[in-house]
Amino acid sequence: MLDKVVTSPTMDSLGPQGELRRSYKQWEEKHSRIMQEAPREGREYINHAINVFPFIEVASEANPIAKG
């Protein structure tokens, strides 16, 4: 009965890597805006800083020393 493969509409030919790249590009664009003009509320800056952690985690997975 499950003869169709369901894929996420945000997936592309690179799969999860493409989604990660898109997400990082969005984060980087917001970071550029924040660097040009500081946010009015510190909370926005903190949330932006927290949003970088998934990218750091992925990068650390590629480093055997960081894996421990």
N, C-alpha and C. Protein backbone atom coordinates (compact mmCIF):
# COMPACT_ATOMS: atom_id res chain seq x y z
N MET A 1 0.80 -1.19 0.00
CA MET A 1 0.00 0.00 0.00
C MET A 1 0.86 1.27 0.00
N LEU A 2 2.04 1.18 0.57
CA LEU A 2 2.91 2.34 0.62
C LEU A 2 3.88 2.31 -0.54
N ASP A 3 3.35 2.48 -1.75
CA ASP A 3 4.22 2.40 -2.91
C ASP A 3 4.77 3.77 -3.32
N LYS A 4 4.35 4.84 -2.66
CA LYS A 4 4.88 6.17 -2.96
C LYS A 4 5.87 6.58 -1.88
N VAL A 5 6.93 7.24 -2.29
CA VAL A 5 7.90 7.77 -1.34
C VAL A 5 7.50 9.21 -1.06
N VAL A 6 7.33 9.51 0.20
CA VAL A 6 6.96 10.86 0.59
C VAL A 6 8.24 11.61 0.93
N THR A 7 8.43 12.74 0.29
CA THR A 7 9.60 13.56 0.58
C THR A 7 9.15 14.92 1.07
N SER A 8 10.00 15.54 1.81
CA SER A 8 9.73 16.88 2.31
C SER A 8 9.77 17.85 1.14
N PRO A 9 8.88 18.84 1.11
CA PRO A 9 8.92 19.80 0.02
C PRO A 9 10.17 20.67 0.03
N THR A 10 10.89 20.70 1.16
CA THR A 10 12.10 21.51 1.22
C THR A 10 13.35 20.72 0.83
N MET A 11 13.22 19.43 0.63
CA MET A 11 14.37 18.62 0.23
C MET A 11 14.73 18.94 -1.22
N ASP A 12 15.99 18.90 -1.52
CA ASP A 12 16.42 19.06 -2.89
C ASP A 12 17.33 17.90 -3.27
N SER A 13 18.03 18.02 -4.38
CA SER A 13 18.86 16.91 -4.84
C SER A 13 20.00 16.60 -3.88
N LEU A 14 20.34 17.56 -3.01
CA LEU A 14 21.40 17.30 -2.02
C LEU A 14 20.85 16.72 -0.73
N GLY A 15 19.54 16.57 -0.63
CA GLY A 15 18.92 16.01 0.56
C GLY A 15 19.10 16.91 1.77
N PRO A 16 19.38 16.31 2.91
CA PRO A 16 19.52 17.10 4.14
C PRO A 16 20.64 18.13 4.06
N GLN A 17 21.68 17.85 3.28
CA GLN A 17 22.78 18.81 3.16
C GLN A 17 22.29 20.09 2.50
N GLY A 18 21.42 19.96 1.53
CA GLY A 18 20.86 21.14 0.86
C GLY A 18 20.02 21.96 1.82
N GLU A 19 19.26 21.29 2.64
CA GLU A 19 18.43 21.97 3.63
C GLU A 19 19.32 22.67 4.65
N LEU A 20 20.39 22.02 5.06
CA LEU A 20 21.33 22.62 6.01
C LEU A 20 21.97 23.87 5.40
N ARG A 21 22.36 23.78 4.15
CA ARG A 21 22.96 24.94 3.49
C ARG A 21 21.97 26.10 3.41
N ARG A 22 20.74 25.80 3.06
CA ARG A 22 19.71 26.85 2.99
C ARG A 22 19.49 27.49 4.35
N SER A 23 19.42 26.66 5.37
CA SER A 23 19.21 27.17 6.72
C SER A 23 20.38 28.05 7.16
N TYR A 24 21.59 27.62 6.85
CA TYR A 24 22.76 28.41 7.23
C TYR A 24 22.78 29.73 6.46
N LYS A 25 22.41 29.68 5.19
CA LYS A 25 22.38 30.91 4.40
C LYS A 25 21.40 31.91 5.01
N GLN A 26 20.24 31.44 5.45
CA GLN A 26 19.27 32.32 6.11
C GLN A 26 19.86 32.88 7.40
N TRP A 27 20.53 32.03 8.18
CA TRP A 27 21.13 32.49 9.43
C TRP A 27 22.20 33.54 9.13
N GLU A 28 23.01 33.27 8.11
CA GLU A 28 24.08 34.18 7.76
C GLU A 28 23.55 35.54 7.30
N GLU A 29 22.46 35.55 6.54
CA GLU A 29 21.86 36.81 6.10
C GLU A 29 21.37 37.61 7.30
N LYS A 30 20.72 36.93 8.23
CA LYS A 30 20.25 37.62 9.43
C LYS A 30 21.44 38.12 10.24
N HIS A 31 22.50 37.33 10.31
CA HIS A 31 23.69 37.73 11.04
C HIS A 31 24.29 39.00 10.44
N SER A 32 24.34 39.08 9.13
CA SER A 32 24.86 40.28 8.46
C SER A 32 24.04 41.50 8.83
N ARG A 33 22.71 41.34 8.87
CA ARG A 33 21.85 42.46 9.25
C ARG A 33 22.10 42.86 10.71
N ILE A 34 22.25 41.88 11.58
CA ILE A 34 22.50 42.16 13.00
C ILE A 34 23.84 42.86 13.18
N MET A 35 24.83 42.48 12.41
CA MET A 35 26.15 43.11 12.53
C MET A 35 26.12 44.56 12.05
N GLN A 36 25.26 44.86 11.09
CA GLN A 36 25.16 46.23 10.59
C GLN A 36 24.40 47.12 11.57
N GLU A 37 23.36 46.58 12.16
CA GLU A 37 22.56 47.33 13.12
C GLU A 37 22.12 46.39 14.23
N ALA A 38 22.57 46.68 15.42
CA ALA A 38 22.25 45.82 16.57
C ALA A 38 20.74 45.79 16.80
N PRO A 39 20.21 44.63 17.20
CA PRO A 39 18.78 44.53 17.48
C PRO A 39 18.40 45.43 18.65
N ARG A 40 17.16 45.87 18.66
CA ARG A 40 16.68 46.74 19.73
C ARG A 40 16.56 46.00 21.05
N GLU A 41 16.23 44.72 20.97
CA GLU A 41 16.10 43.92 22.18
C GLU A 41 17.21 42.87 22.23
N GLY A 42 17.81 42.72 23.39
CA GLY A 42 18.86 41.72 23.56
C GLY A 42 18.37 40.32 23.30
N ARG A 43 17.09 40.09 23.57
CA ARG A 43 16.50 38.76 23.38
C ARG A 43 16.65 38.29 21.93
N GLU A 44 16.48 39.21 20.98
CA GLU A 44 16.61 38.85 19.57
C GLU A 44 18.04 38.39 19.26
N TYR A 45 19.01 39.08 19.83
CA TYR A 45 20.41 38.71 19.61
C TYR A 45 20.71 37.35 20.23
N ILE A 46 20.21 37.12 21.44
CA ILE A 46 20.42 35.83 22.12
C ILE A 46 19.81 34.70 21.30
N ASN A 47 18.58 34.89 20.82
CA ASN A 47 17.93 33.85 20.00
C ASN A 47 18.72 33.58 18.73
N HIS A 48 19.25 34.63 18.13
CA HIS A 48 20.06 34.47 16.92
C HIS A 48 21.32 33.65 17.24
N ALA A 49 21.95 33.96 18.36
CA ALA A 49 23.16 33.23 18.76
C ALA A 49 22.85 31.76 19.03
N ILE A 50 21.73 31.49 19.65
CA ILE A 50 21.32 30.11 19.93
C ILE A 50 21.09 29.34 18.64
N ASN A 51 20.58 30.02 17.62
CA ASN A 51 20.27 29.36 16.35
C ASN A 51 21.50 28.89 15.59
N VAL A 52 22.70 29.30 16.01
CA VAL A 52 23.91 28.84 15.32
C VAL A 52 24.35 27.46 15.83
N PHE A 53 23.88 27.04 16.99
CA PHE A 53 24.32 25.77 17.57
C PHE A 53 24.13 24.56 16.66
N PRO A 54 23.01 24.42 15.95
CA PRO A 54 22.90 23.23 15.06
C PRO A 54 24.01 23.17 14.01
N PHE A 55 24.46 24.31 13.52
CA PHE A 55 25.52 24.32 12.51
C PHE A 55 26.86 23.94 13.13
N ILE A 56 27.09 24.40 14.35
CA ILE A 56 28.31 24.03 15.06
C ILE A 56 28.32 22.53 15.35
N GLU A 57 27.17 22.00 15.72
CA GLU A 57 27.06 20.58 16.02
C GLU A 57 27.39 19.73 14.79
N VAL A 58 26.86 20.13 13.64
CA VAL A 58 27.12 19.40 12.40
C VAL A 58 28.61 19.46 12.07
N ALA A 59 29.21 20.62 12.23
CA ALA A 59 30.64 20.75 11.94
C ALA A 59 31.47 19.90 12.89
N SER A 60 31.06 19.83 14.14
CA SER A 60 31.83 19.04 15.10
C SER A 60 31.73 17.54 14.81
N GLU A 61 30.64 17.11 14.22
CA GLU A 61 30.50 15.69 13.86
C GLU A 61 31.53 15.28 12.81
N ALA A 62 31.99 16.23 12.02
CA ALA A 62 32.97 15.92 10.99
C ALA A 62 34.39 15.86 11.55
N ASN A 63 34.56 16.32 12.77
CA ASN A 63 35.89 16.35 13.38
C ASN A 63 36.01 15.19 14.38
N PRO A 64 36.89 14.23 14.11
CA PRO A 64 36.99 13.07 15.00
C PRO A 64 37.45 13.42 16.43
N ILE A 65 38.24 14.48 16.58
CA ILE A 65 38.68 14.89 17.91
C ILE A 65 37.51 15.47 18.71
N ALA A 66 36.66 16.23 18.02
CA ALA A 66 35.50 16.84 18.69
C ALA A 66 34.49 15.78 19.13
N LYS A 67 34.44 14.66 18.42
CA LYS A 67 33.51 13.60 18.78
C LYS A 67 33.87 12.96 20.11
N GLY A 68 35.14 13.03 20.46
CA GLY A 68 35.59 12.47 21.73
C GLY A 68 35.86 11.05 21.61
